[in-house]
Amino acid sequence: MENFTVVRGLFDGRKRQLIINGNYIKFESKDNKKDLFKIINKEDISGIRYGIHFIKGLEFYIGREYQIFIKSKSGKEVKINFKLFYRRKLKEKHQLFCDIIDKLWCLYLDDMTESFLKKIEEKEDFFLCGIQFSADRIKFNNKELLFKDLEIKNYYHYFMVYSKNDYYQNKMLYYLKDDNAVIVSHLLTILKSHE
């Protein structure tokens, strides 16, 4: 079990508790004293997205907001976010974000990736981020790509899947905007390394 203390930002200085363990995620996101926590059990997690949103001032960027969204099968979403301005406590906040993400990968996301790999090995089709995965190929936008023909380009905020033969046959997914884009990126990287 891992406990984190999250202070959301300049106008919300309250210390909020985030508990991540092998069975559930519990975050103190509400202000009602009778019902402070949002809880999502491990088996109910259906999607995740995370990233950094930069806050622009008049002429230049003045801060950043670290955001993590965890979605349940019922559609409920837990938003874990915190901001910083003018690089104040930058190293501390960035390390907190990295520690939370690492813990989520260790306890949840690696298992989700393994379950999708198992589906591919068993030749079971499934959809993830608008991409249909099959035993030896992916399909998106009425196009098919064999695992051996696909290439992946990773950037800070997004990644792109495209064909070796035709760069215009591609799909771009954003880590912060698209549910499970981080899992798709990891899954395709694993599949690409096995080819």
N, C-alpha and C. Protein backbone atom coordinates (compact mmCIF):
# COMPACT_ATOMS: atom_id res chain seq x y z
N MET A 1 0.85 -1.18 0.00
CA MET A 1 0.00 0.00 0.00
C MET A 1 0.89 1.23 0.00
N GLU A 2 0.51 2.19 -0.80
CA GLU A 2 1.28 3.43 -0.92
C GLU A 2 0.35 4.61 -0.64
N ASN A 3 0.79 5.49 0.23
CA ASN A 3 0.04 6.71 0.54
C ASN A 3 0.76 7.91 -0.05
N PHE A 4 0.01 8.77 -0.72
CA PHE A 4 0.55 10.01 -1.27
C PHE A 4 -0.27 11.17 -0.73
N THR A 5 0.37 12.30 -0.57
CA THR A 5 -0.32 13.52 -0.17
C THR A 5 -0.29 14.47 -1.35
N VAL A 6 -1.48 14.88 -1.78
CA VAL A 6 -1.62 15.73 -2.96
C VAL A 6 -2.20 17.07 -2.53
N VAL A 7 -1.49 18.15 -2.87
CA VAL A 7 -2.00 19.51 -2.69
C VAL A 7 -2.29 20.01 -4.10
N ARG A 8 -3.55 20.31 -4.37
CA ARG A 8 -3.98 20.60 -5.74
C ARG A 8 -3.39 21.86 -6.33
N GLY A 9 -3.19 22.89 -5.53
CA GLY A 9 -2.60 24.08 -6.13
C GLY A 9 -2.77 25.32 -5.30
N LEU A 10 -2.63 26.43 -5.97
CA LEU A 10 -2.60 27.74 -5.34
C LEU A 10 -3.89 28.05 -4.57
N PHE A 11 -5.04 27.76 -5.15
CA PHE A 11 -6.32 28.11 -4.54
C PHE A 11 -6.96 26.96 -3.77
N ASP A 12 -6.35 25.80 -3.79
CA ASP A 12 -6.82 24.66 -3.01
C ASP A 12 -5.60 24.06 -2.30
N GLY A 13 -5.28 24.61 -1.15
CA GLY A 13 -4.08 24.20 -0.41
C GLY A 13 -4.30 23.04 0.54
N ARG A 14 -5.50 22.46 0.52
CA ARG A 14 -5.79 21.35 1.42
C ARG A 14 -5.00 20.10 1.02
N LYS A 15 -4.42 19.43 2.00
CA LYS A 15 -3.68 18.21 1.74
C LYS A 15 -4.68 17.06 1.60
N ARG A 16 -4.66 16.45 0.42
CA ARG A 16 -5.60 15.36 0.12
C ARG A 16 -4.83 14.04 0.07
N GLN A 17 -5.46 13.02 0.56
CA GLN A 17 -4.82 11.71 0.66
C GLN A 17 -5.17 10.85 -0.55
N LEU A 18 -4.14 10.22 -1.13
CA LEU A 18 -4.30 9.26 -2.22
C LEU A 18 -3.71 7.95 -1.75
N ILE A 19 -4.53 6.90 -1.76
CA ILE A 19 -4.09 5.57 -1.33
C ILE A 19 -4.18 4.64 -2.52
N ILE A 20 -3.05 4.03 -2.85
CA ILE A 20 -3.00 3.07 -3.96
C ILE A 20 -2.49 1.75 -3.39
N ASN A 21 -3.32 0.73 -3.46
CA ASN A 21 -2.85 -0.60 -3.06
C ASN A 21 -3.30 -1.62 -4.10
N GLY A 22 -3.02 -2.87 -3.88
CA GLY A 22 -3.30 -3.90 -4.87
C GLY A 22 -4.77 -4.15 -5.14
N ASN A 23 -5.67 -3.62 -4.29
CA ASN A 23 -7.09 -3.89 -4.45
C ASN A 23 -7.92 -2.69 -4.90
N TYR A 24 -7.47 -1.48 -4.58
CA TYR A 24 -8.28 -0.30 -4.91
C TYR A 24 -7.43 0.96 -4.96
N ILE A 25 -8.04 2.00 -5.53
CA ILE A 25 -7.50 3.35 -5.51
C ILE A 25 -8.50 4.20 -4.75
N LYS A 26 -8.01 4.94 -3.79
CA LYS A 26 -8.88 5.76 -2.93
C LYS A 26 -8.31 7.17 -2.90
N PHE A 27 -9.11 8.16 -3.35
CA PHE A 27 -8.62 9.54 -3.41
C PHE A 27 -9.60 10.48 -2.73
N GLU A 28 -9.07 11.33 -1.91
CA GLU A 28 -9.87 12.32 -1.19
C GLU A 28 -10.12 13.51 -2.11
N SER A 29 -11.13 13.38 -2.95
CA SER A 29 -11.37 14.41 -3.96
C SER A 29 -12.57 15.28 -3.65
N LYS A 30 -13.36 14.88 -2.68
CA LYS A 30 -14.57 15.63 -2.37
C LYS A 30 -14.34 16.51 -1.14
N ASP A 31 -15.20 17.51 -0.97
CA ASP A 31 -15.09 18.40 0.18
C ASP A 31 -16.18 18.15 1.21
N ASN A 32 -17.06 17.19 0.98
CA ASN A 32 -18.11 16.83 1.92
C ASN A 32 -17.51 15.94 3.00
N LYS A 33 -17.58 16.37 4.26
CA LYS A 33 -16.93 15.63 5.36
C LYS A 33 -17.51 14.23 5.55
N LYS A 34 -18.77 14.02 5.19
CA LYS A 34 -19.38 12.71 5.36
C LYS A 34 -18.92 11.72 4.30
N ASP A 35 -18.54 12.23 3.14
CA ASP A 35 -18.15 11.37 2.02
C ASP A 35 -16.96 11.99 1.29
N LEU A 36 -15.76 11.85 1.87
CA LEU A 36 -14.57 12.51 1.32
C LEU A 36 -13.94 11.78 0.14
N PHE A 37 -14.02 10.46 0.13
CA PHE A 37 -13.20 9.67 -0.79
C PHE A 37 -13.99 9.15 -1.98
N LYS A 38 -13.29 9.10 -3.11
CA LYS A 38 -13.77 8.35 -4.28
C LYS A 38 -12.92 7.08 -4.32
N ILE A 39 -13.57 5.95 -4.52
CA ILE A 39 -12.88 4.66 -4.51
C ILE A 39 -13.19 3.91 -5.79
N ILE A 40 -12.14 3.36 -6.42
CA ILE A 40 -12.32 2.47 -7.56
C ILE A 40 -11.55 1.19 -7.26
N ASN A 41 -12.26 0.07 -7.32
CA ASN A 41 -11.61 -1.23 -7.10
C ASN A 41 -10.81 -1.64 -8.33
N LYS A 42 -9.81 -2.47 -8.12
CA LYS A 42 -8.91 -2.88 -9.19
C LYS A 42 -9.67 -3.53 -10.34
N GLU A 43 -10.60 -4.42 -10.03
CA GLU A 43 -11.32 -5.14 -11.08
C GLU A 43 -12.30 -4.24 -11.84
N ASP A 44 -12.58 -3.04 -11.31
CA ASP A 44 -13.51 -2.12 -11.97
C ASP A 44 -12.81 -1.11 -12.89
N ILE A 45 -11.49 -1.08 -12.88
CA ILE A 45 -10.76 -0.11 -13.71
C ILE A 45 -10.89 -0.49 -15.18
N SER A 46 -11.38 0.46 -15.99
CA SER A 46 -11.54 0.18 -17.41
C SER A 46 -10.68 1.08 -18.28
N GLY A 47 -10.22 2.19 -17.74
CA GLY A 47 -9.42 3.09 -18.54
C GLY A 47 -8.56 4.02 -17.71
N ILE A 48 -7.49 4.50 -18.32
CA ILE A 48 -6.62 5.45 -17.66
C ILE A 48 -6.03 6.38 -18.71
N ARG A 49 -5.84 7.60 -18.30
CA ARG A 49 -5.11 8.56 -19.13
C ARG A 49 -4.41 9.51 -18.19
N TYR A 50 -3.25 9.95 -18.61
CA TYR A 50 -2.50 10.89 -17.76
C TYR A 50 -1.55 11.72 -18.59
N GLY A 51 -1.13 12.83 -18.01
CA GLY A 51 -0.20 13.70 -18.70
C GLY A 51 -0.07 15.04 -18.00
N ILE A 52 0.61 15.94 -18.68
CA ILE A 52 0.86 17.28 -18.15
C ILE A 52 0.21 18.29 -19.07
N HIS A 53 -0.60 19.15 -18.50
CA HIS A 53 -1.23 20.24 -19.24
C HIS A 53 -0.51 21.53 -18.86
N PHE A 54 0.05 22.22 -19.85
CA PHE A 54 0.79 23.45 -19.58
C PHE A 54 -0.16 24.63 -19.54
N ILE A 55 0.04 25.51 -18.56
CA ILE A 55 -0.82 26.66 -18.35
C ILE A 55 -0.14 27.88 -18.95
N LYS A 56 -0.82 28.50 -19.91
CA LYS A 56 -0.23 29.63 -20.63
C LYS A 56 -0.70 30.94 -20.02
N GLY A 57 0.25 31.82 -19.81
CA GLY A 57 -0.05 33.17 -19.36
C GLY A 57 -0.27 34.06 -20.56
N LEU A 58 -0.02 35.33 -20.39
CA LEU A 58 -0.23 36.29 -21.47
C LEU A 58 0.76 36.08 -22.62
N GLU A 59 2.02 35.90 -22.30
CA GLU A 59 3.05 35.77 -23.33
C GLU A 59 3.79 34.42 -23.31
N PHE A 60 3.77 33.74 -22.18
CA PHE A 60 4.55 32.51 -22.04
C PHE A 60 3.86 31.59 -21.04
N TYR A 61 4.36 30.37 -20.94
CA TYR A 61 3.79 29.39 -20.02
C TYR A 61 4.18 29.75 -18.59
N ILE A 62 3.19 29.76 -17.70
CA ILE A 62 3.44 30.16 -16.31
C ILE A 62 3.32 29.00 -15.34
N GLY A 63 2.86 27.84 -15.81
CA GLY A 63 2.71 26.72 -14.90
C GLY A 63 2.33 25.46 -15.62
N ARG A 64 2.06 24.45 -14.83
CA ARG A 64 1.63 23.18 -15.39
C ARG A 64 0.67 22.49 -14.42
N GLU A 65 -0.19 21.68 -15.01
CA GLU A 65 -1.12 20.88 -14.20
C GLU A 65 -0.88 19.41 -14.54
N TYR A 66 -0.55 18.65 -13.52
CA TYR A 66 -0.39 17.21 -13.67
C TYR A 66 -1.77 16.58 -13.50
N GLN A 67 -2.16 15.74 -14.46
CA GLN A 67 -3.51 15.16 -14.45
C GLN A 67 -3.44 13.65 -14.64
N ILE A 68 -4.22 12.94 -13.83
CA ILE A 68 -4.38 11.49 -13.97
C ILE A 68 -5.88 11.21 -13.87
N PHE A 69 -6.42 10.53 -14.87
CA PHE A 69 -7.84 10.17 -14.89
C PHE A 69 -7.94 8.65 -14.88
N ILE A 70 -8.67 8.11 -13.91
CA ILE A 70 -8.87 6.66 -13.83
C ILE A 70 -10.37 6.41 -13.94
N LYS A 71 -10.75 5.63 -14.94
CA LYS A 71 -12.16 5.41 -15.26
C LYS A 71 -12.58 4.00 -14.84
N SER A 72 -13.78 3.91 -14.30
CA SER A 72 -14.32 2.60 -13.91
C SER A 72 -15.25 2.08 -15.00
N LYS A 73 -15.62 0.81 -14.90
CA LYS A 73 -16.52 0.20 -15.88
C LYS A 73 -17.90 0.84 -15.85
N SER A 74 -18.29 1.40 -14.71
CA SER A 74 -19.60 2.06 -14.60
C SER A 74 -19.59 3.47 -15.16
N GLY A 75 -18.42 3.96 -15.59
CA GLY A 75 -18.32 5.29 -16.16
C GLY A 75 -17.85 6.34 -15.17
N LYS A 76 -17.76 5.97 -13.90
CA LYS A 76 -17.27 6.90 -12.88
C LYS A 76 -15.78 7.15 -13.12
N GLU A 77 -15.35 8.38 -12.88
CA GLU A 77 -13.96 8.73 -13.14
C GLU A 77 -13.37 9.43 -11.92
N VAL A 78 -12.17 9.03 -11.55
CA VAL A 78 -11.43 9.69 -10.49
C VAL A 78 -10.37 10.56 -11.15
N LYS A 79 -10.40 11.84 -10.81
CA LYS A 79 -9.41 12.78 -11.36
C LYS A 79 -8.45 13.16 -10.24
N ILE A 80 -7.18 12.85 -10.48
CA ILE A 80 -6.12 13.22 -9.55
C ILE A 80 -5.32 14.31 -10.25
N ASN A 81 -5.35 15.51 -9.71
CA ASN A 81 -4.65 16.60 -10.38
C ASN A 81 -4.02 17.54 -9.36
N PHE A 82 -2.94 18.16 -9.78
CA PHE A 82 -2.31 19.20 -8.97
C PHE A 82 -1.53 20.12 -9.89
N LYS A 83 -1.45 21.39 -9.46
CA LYS A 83 -0.85 22.44 -10.28
C LYS A 83 0.36 23.04 -9.59
N LEU A 84 1.19 23.65 -10.43
CA LEU A 84 2.26 24.48 -9.89
C LEU A 84 2.45 25.66 -10.83
N PHE A 85 2.90 26.76 -10.26
CA PHE A 85 3.10 27.98 -11.03
C PHE A 85 4.52 28.49 -10.84
N TYR A 86 5.08 29.04 -11.90
CA TYR A 86 6.39 29.68 -11.88
C TYR A 86 7.49 28.77 -11.33
N ARG A 87 7.41 27.49 -11.67
CA ARG A 87 8.42 26.49 -11.31
C ARG A 87 8.57 26.29 -9.79
N ARG A 88 7.63 26.79 -9.02
CA ARG A 88 7.68 26.64 -7.56
C ARG A 88 7.41 25.18 -7.20
N LYS A 89 8.35 24.56 -6.52
CA LYS A 89 8.28 23.14 -6.12
C LYS A 89 8.20 22.21 -7.33
N LEU A 90 8.85 22.58 -8.41
CA LEU A 90 8.79 21.79 -9.65
C LEU A 90 9.32 20.37 -9.45
N LYS A 91 10.50 20.23 -8.87
CA LYS A 91 11.09 18.90 -8.69
C LYS A 91 10.22 18.03 -7.79
N GLU A 92 9.71 18.61 -6.72
CA GLU A 92 8.87 17.87 -5.78
C GLU A 92 7.57 17.38 -6.43
N LYS A 93 6.90 18.27 -7.16
CA LYS A 93 5.63 17.92 -7.81
C LYS A 93 5.85 16.93 -8.95
N HIS A 94 6.91 17.13 -9.72
CA HIS A 94 7.18 16.20 -10.82
C HIS A 94 7.52 14.81 -10.28
N GLN A 95 8.27 14.75 -9.19
CA GLN A 95 8.59 13.47 -8.58
C GLN A 95 7.34 12.78 -8.04
N LEU A 96 6.43 13.56 -7.45
CA LEU A 96 5.17 13.01 -6.97
C LEU A 96 4.38 12.39 -8.13
N PHE A 97 4.29 13.11 -9.24
CA PHE A 97 3.59 12.60 -10.42
C PHE A 97 4.23 11.29 -10.91
N CYS A 98 5.55 11.27 -11.02
CA CYS A 98 6.26 10.07 -11.48
C CYS A 98 6.05 8.90 -10.52
N ASP A 99 6.07 9.16 -9.22
CA ASP A 99 5.87 8.10 -8.23
C ASP A 99 4.47 7.51 -8.31
N ILE A 100 3.46 8.36 -8.50
CA ILE A 100 2.08 7.88 -8.64
C ILE A 100 1.94 7.02 -9.89
N ILE A 101 2.49 7.49 -11.01
CA ILE A 101 2.40 6.75 -12.27
C ILE A 101 3.13 5.41 -12.15
N ASP A 102 4.31 5.40 -11.55
CA ASP A 102 5.06 4.15 -11.36
C ASP A 102 4.26 3.16 -10.54
N LYS A 103 3.61 3.63 -9.48
CA LYS A 103 2.81 2.74 -8.62
C LYS A 103 1.60 2.21 -9.39
N LEU A 104 0.98 3.05 -10.20
CA LEU A 104 -0.16 2.60 -11.01
C LEU A 104 0.27 1.52 -12.01
N TRP A 105 1.44 1.70 -12.63
CA TRP A 105 1.95 0.69 -13.56
C TRP A 105 2.24 -0.61 -12.82
N CYS A 106 2.86 -0.53 -11.67
CA CYS A 106 3.21 -1.76 -10.92
C CYS A 106 1.98 -2.54 -10.49
N LEU A 107 0.96 -1.84 -10.00
CA LEU A 107 -0.19 -2.53 -9.41
C LEU A 107 -1.34 -2.79 -10.38
N TYR A 108 -1.47 -1.99 -11.44
CA TYR A 108 -2.66 -2.12 -12.29
C TYR A 108 -2.35 -2.26 -13.78
N LEU A 109 -1.59 -1.33 -14.31
CA LEU A 109 -1.45 -1.24 -15.76
C LEU A 109 -0.66 -2.38 -16.37
N ASP A 110 0.36 -2.88 -15.67
CA ASP A 110 1.08 -4.06 -16.17
C ASP A 110 0.14 -5.26 -16.28
N ASP A 111 -0.74 -5.42 -15.30
CA ASP A 111 -1.71 -6.52 -15.34
C ASP A 111 -2.70 -6.35 -16.49
N MET A 112 -3.13 -5.11 -16.72
CA MET A 112 -4.05 -4.87 -17.84
C MET A 112 -3.37 -5.18 -19.17
N THR A 113 -2.11 -4.77 -19.31
CA THR A 113 -1.37 -5.05 -20.54
C THR A 113 -1.22 -6.55 -20.74
N GLU A 114 -0.89 -7.27 -19.68
CA GLU A 114 -0.75 -8.73 -19.76
C GLU A 114 -2.06 -9.40 -20.18
N SER A 115 -3.19 -8.89 -19.67
CA SER A 115 -4.48 -9.49 -20.05
C SER A 115 -4.76 -9.26 -21.54
N PHE A 116 -4.38 -8.11 -22.08
CA PHE A 116 -4.57 -7.86 -23.51
C PHE A 116 -3.62 -8.72 -24.35
N LEU A 117 -2.39 -8.91 -23.89
CA LEU A 117 -1.45 -9.79 -24.59
C LEU A 117 -1.98 -11.22 -24.63
N LYS A 118 -2.58 -11.64 -23.52
CA LYS A 118 -3.14 -12.99 -23.45
C LYS A 118 -4.29 -13.14 -24.45
N LYS A 119 -5.11 -12.11 -24.61
CA LYS A 119 -6.20 -12.15 -25.59
C LYS A 119 -5.65 -12.30 -27.01
N ILE A 120 -4.55 -11.60 -27.30
CA ILE A 120 -3.94 -11.71 -28.63
C ILE A 120 -3.39 -13.12 -28.85
N GLU A 121 -2.74 -13.68 -27.84
CA GLU A 121 -2.21 -15.04 -27.95
C GLU A 121 -3.32 -16.07 -28.16
N GLU A 122 -4.48 -15.83 -27.56
CA GLU A 122 -5.62 -16.74 -27.69
C GLU A 122 -6.47 -16.42 -28.92
N LYS A 123 -5.96 -15.49 -29.76
CA LYS A 123 -6.63 -15.09 -31.01
C LYS A 123 -8.03 -14.52 -30.77
N GLU A 124 -8.17 -13.79 -29.68
CA GLU A 124 -9.44 -13.16 -29.34
C GLU A 124 -9.37 -11.68 -29.75
N ASP A 125 -10.32 -11.22 -30.57
CA ASP A 125 -10.35 -9.84 -31.02
C ASP A 125 -10.88 -8.94 -29.91
N PHE A 126 -10.35 -7.71 -29.84
CA PHE A 126 -10.84 -6.72 -28.88
C PHE A 126 -10.54 -5.32 -29.41
N PHE A 127 -11.27 -4.34 -28.89
CA PHE A 127 -11.08 -2.95 -29.26
C PHE A 127 -10.44 -2.19 -28.11
N LEU A 128 -9.52 -1.31 -28.45
CA LEU A 128 -8.88 -0.45 -27.46
C LEU A 128 -8.51 0.85 -28.16
N CYS A 129 -9.03 1.97 -27.70
CA CYS A 129 -8.75 3.30 -28.28
C CYS A 129 -9.13 3.38 -29.76
N GLY A 130 -10.20 2.74 -30.15
CA GLY A 130 -10.62 2.78 -31.55
C GLY A 130 -9.80 1.90 -32.47
N ILE A 131 -8.96 1.05 -31.90
CA ILE A 131 -8.15 0.13 -32.69
C ILE A 131 -8.62 -1.29 -32.38
N GLN A 132 -8.88 -2.06 -33.44
CA GLN A 132 -9.25 -3.46 -33.26
C GLN A 132 -7.98 -4.30 -33.33
N PHE A 133 -7.74 -5.05 -32.27
CA PHE A 133 -6.58 -5.94 -32.20
C PHE A 133 -7.01 -7.35 -32.57
N SER A 134 -6.26 -7.99 -33.44
CA SER A 134 -6.48 -9.38 -33.82
C SER A 134 -5.21 -10.16 -33.53
N ALA A 135 -5.18 -11.42 -33.95
CA ALA A 135 -4.04 -12.29 -33.65
C ALA A 135 -2.74 -11.81 -34.28
N ASP A 136 -2.80 -11.22 -35.48
CA ASP A 136 -1.57 -10.83 -36.17
C ASP A 136 -1.63 -9.42 -36.76
N ARG A 137 -2.68 -8.66 -36.44
CA ARG A 137 -2.85 -7.35 -37.07
C ARG A 137 -3.69 -6.43 -36.21
N ILE A 138 -3.65 -5.16 -36.58
CA ILE A 138 -4.56 -4.18 -35.99
C ILE A 138 -5.36 -3.55 -37.12
N LYS A 139 -6.56 -3.06 -36.78
CA LYS A 139 -7.42 -2.40 -37.76
C LYS A 139 -7.89 -1.07 -37.17
N PHE A 140 -7.82 -0.02 -37.99
CA PHE A 140 -8.35 1.28 -37.60
C PHE A 140 -8.67 2.06 -38.86
N ASN A 141 -9.70 2.88 -38.80
CA ASN A 141 -10.11 3.72 -39.94
C ASN A 141 -10.23 2.92 -41.24
N ASN A 142 -10.80 1.74 -41.18
CA ASN A 142 -10.97 0.85 -42.33
C ASN A 142 -9.65 0.45 -42.98
N LYS A 143 -8.59 0.44 -42.22
CA LYS A 143 -7.27 0.04 -42.70
C LYS A 143 -6.73 -1.06 -41.80
N GLU A 144 -5.92 -1.94 -42.38
CA GLU A 144 -5.32 -3.03 -41.62
C GLU A 144 -3.81 -2.92 -41.66
N LEU A 145 -3.18 -3.22 -40.53
CA LEU A 145 -1.73 -3.26 -40.45
C LEU A 145 -1.31 -4.55 -39.77
N LEU A 146 -0.46 -5.31 -40.42
CA LEU A 146 0.12 -6.48 -39.77
C LEU A 146 1.13 -6.01 -38.74
N PHE A 147 1.30 -6.79 -37.67
CA PHE A 147 2.26 -6.41 -36.63
C PHE A 147 3.66 -6.22 -37.21
N LYS A 148 4.01 -7.03 -38.19
CA LYS A 148 5.36 -6.93 -38.76
C LYS A 148 5.55 -5.68 -39.62
N ASP A 149 4.43 -5.07 -40.07
CA ASP A 149 4.51 -3.88 -40.92
C ASP A 149 4.32 -2.57 -40.17
N LEU A 150 4.05 -2.63 -38.89
CA LEU A 150 3.75 -1.38 -38.19
C LEU A 150 5.00 -0.78 -37.56
N GLU A 151 4.96 0.52 -37.45
CA GLU A 151 6.01 1.30 -36.79
C GLU A 151 5.34 2.19 -35.75
N ILE A 152 6.11 2.54 -34.73
CA ILE A 152 5.60 3.38 -33.65
C ILE A 152 6.57 4.54 -33.44
N LYS A 153 6.02 5.73 -33.33
CA LYS A 153 6.83 6.90 -32.96
C LYS A 153 6.25 7.46 -31.68
N ASN A 154 7.08 7.54 -30.66
CA ASN A 154 6.66 8.09 -29.37
C ASN A 154 7.16 9.51 -29.21
N TYR A 155 6.26 10.37 -28.74
CA TYR A 155 6.59 11.75 -28.44
C TYR A 155 6.20 12.01 -26.98
N TYR A 156 6.41 13.21 -26.48
CA TYR A 156 6.12 13.50 -25.07
C TYR A 156 4.65 13.35 -24.73
N HIS A 157 3.77 13.85 -25.58
CA HIS A 157 2.36 13.91 -25.25
C HIS A 157 1.48 12.97 -26.07
N TYR A 158 2.05 12.33 -27.06
CA TYR A 158 1.27 11.45 -27.92
C TYR A 158 2.20 10.44 -28.59
N PHE A 159 1.58 9.49 -29.29
CA PHE A 159 2.36 8.57 -30.12
C PHE A 159 1.58 8.33 -31.40
N MET A 160 2.29 7.81 -32.39
CA MET A 160 1.68 7.55 -33.69
C MET A 160 2.03 6.14 -34.13
N VAL A 161 1.03 5.43 -34.62
CA VAL A 161 1.20 4.11 -35.21
C VAL A 161 1.02 4.28 -36.70
N TYR A 162 1.93 3.74 -37.50
CA TYR A 162 1.83 3.90 -38.94
C TYR A 162 2.45 2.70 -39.64
N SER A 163 2.16 2.60 -40.91
CA SER A 163 2.68 1.51 -41.74
C SER A 163 4.09 1.86 -42.21
N LYS A 164 4.97 0.86 -42.27
CA LYS A 164 6.31 1.07 -42.81
C LYS A 164 6.24 1.50 -44.27
N ASN A 165 5.26 0.98 -44.98
CA ASN A 165 5.16 1.20 -46.41
C ASN A 165 4.40 2.47 -46.78
N ASP A 166 3.49 2.92 -45.92
CA ASP A 166 2.65 4.07 -46.25
C ASP A 166 2.46 4.92 -44.99
N TYR A 167 3.19 6.03 -44.91
CA TYR A 167 3.11 6.89 -43.73
C TYR A 167 1.73 7.50 -43.53
N TYR A 168 0.94 7.58 -44.60
CA TYR A 168 -0.39 8.17 -44.49
C TYR A 168 -1.40 7.20 -43.89
N GLN A 169 -1.01 5.97 -43.72
CA GLN A 169 -1.84 4.98 -43.05
C GLN A 169 -1.42 4.99 -41.59
N ASN A 170 -2.01 5.92 -40.81
CA ASN A 170 -1.56 6.12 -39.44
C ASN A 170 -2.70 6.43 -38.49
N LYS A 171 -2.39 6.34 -37.22
CA LYS A 171 -3.33 6.73 -36.15
C LYS A 171 -2.51 7.37 -35.05
N MET A 172 -2.97 8.54 -34.60
CA MET A 172 -2.28 9.26 -33.55
C MET A 172 -3.16 9.25 -32.29
N LEU A 173 -2.55 8.94 -31.15
CA LEU A 173 -3.27 8.90 -29.87
C LEU A 173 -2.53 9.77 -28.86
N TYR A 174 -3.30 10.54 -28.11
CA TYR A 174 -2.75 11.41 -27.07
C TYR A 174 -2.88 10.74 -25.71
N TYR A 175 -1.80 10.76 -24.94
CA TYR A 175 -1.79 10.11 -23.63
C TYR A 175 -2.79 10.74 -22.66
N LEU A 176 -2.98 12.04 -22.73
CA LEU A 176 -3.87 12.72 -21.80
C LEU A 176 -5.33 12.73 -22.28
N LYS A 177 -5.56 12.67 -23.57
CA LYS A 177 -6.92 12.80 -24.10
C LYS A 177 -7.61 11.46 -24.36
N ASP A 178 -6.86 10.43 -24.75
CA ASP A 178 -7.46 9.16 -25.16
C ASP A 178 -7.32 8.11 -24.06
N ASP A 179 -8.48 7.57 -23.65
CA ASP A 179 -8.46 6.50 -22.64
C ASP A 179 -7.60 5.33 -23.11
N ASN A 180 -6.74 4.87 -22.24
CA ASN A 180 -5.88 3.70 -22.45
C ASN A 180 -4.84 3.87 -23.55
N ALA A 181 -4.55 5.09 -23.98
CA ALA A 181 -3.51 5.30 -24.99
C ALA A 181 -2.15 4.83 -24.46
N VAL A 182 -1.91 5.01 -23.17
CA VAL A 182 -0.63 4.56 -22.59
C VAL A 182 -0.50 3.04 -22.66
N ILE A 183 -1.62 2.35 -22.48
CA ILE A 183 -1.61 0.88 -22.55
C ILE A 183 -1.42 0.43 -23.99
N VAL A 184 -2.09 1.10 -24.94
CA VAL A 184 -1.93 0.75 -26.36
C VAL A 184 -0.48 0.95 -26.79
N SER A 185 0.12 2.04 -26.37
CA SER A 185 1.53 2.30 -26.72
C SER A 185 2.44 1.20 -26.18
N HIS A 186 2.23 0.83 -24.93
CA HIS A 186 3.04 -0.22 -24.31
C HIS A 186 2.79 -1.57 -24.99
N LEU A 187 1.53 -1.87 -25.27
CA LEU A 187 1.15 -3.12 -25.91
C LEU A 187 1.77 -3.24 -27.31
N LEU A 188 1.70 -2.18 -28.10
CA LEU A 188 2.26 -2.21 -29.45
C LEU A 188 3.79 -2.28 -29.42
N THR A 189 4.40 -1.65 -28.43
CA THR A 189 5.86 -1.73 -28.29
C THR A 189 6.29 -3.17 -27.98
N ILE A 190 5.53 -3.84 -27.13
CA ILE A 190 5.82 -5.25 -26.81
C ILE A 190 5.63 -6.12 -28.04
N LEU A 191 4.51 -5.93 -28.75
CA LEU A 191 4.23 -6.72 -29.95
C LEU A 191 5.29 -6.47 -31.02
N LYS A 192 5.71 -5.23 -31.15
CA LYS A 192 6.74 -4.89 -32.14
C LYS A 192 8.08 -5.54 -31.79
N SER A 193 8.40 -5.62 -30.52
CA SER A 193 9.69 -6.22 -30.11
C SER A 193 9.70 -7.74 -30.32
N HIS A 194 8.53 -8.36 -30.37
CA HIS A 194 8.45 -9.81 -30.57
C HIS A 194 8.48 -10.20 -32.03
N GLU A 195 8.35 -9.22 -32.93
CA GLU A 195 8.37 -9.53 -34.37
C GLU A 195 9.78 -9.79 -34.86
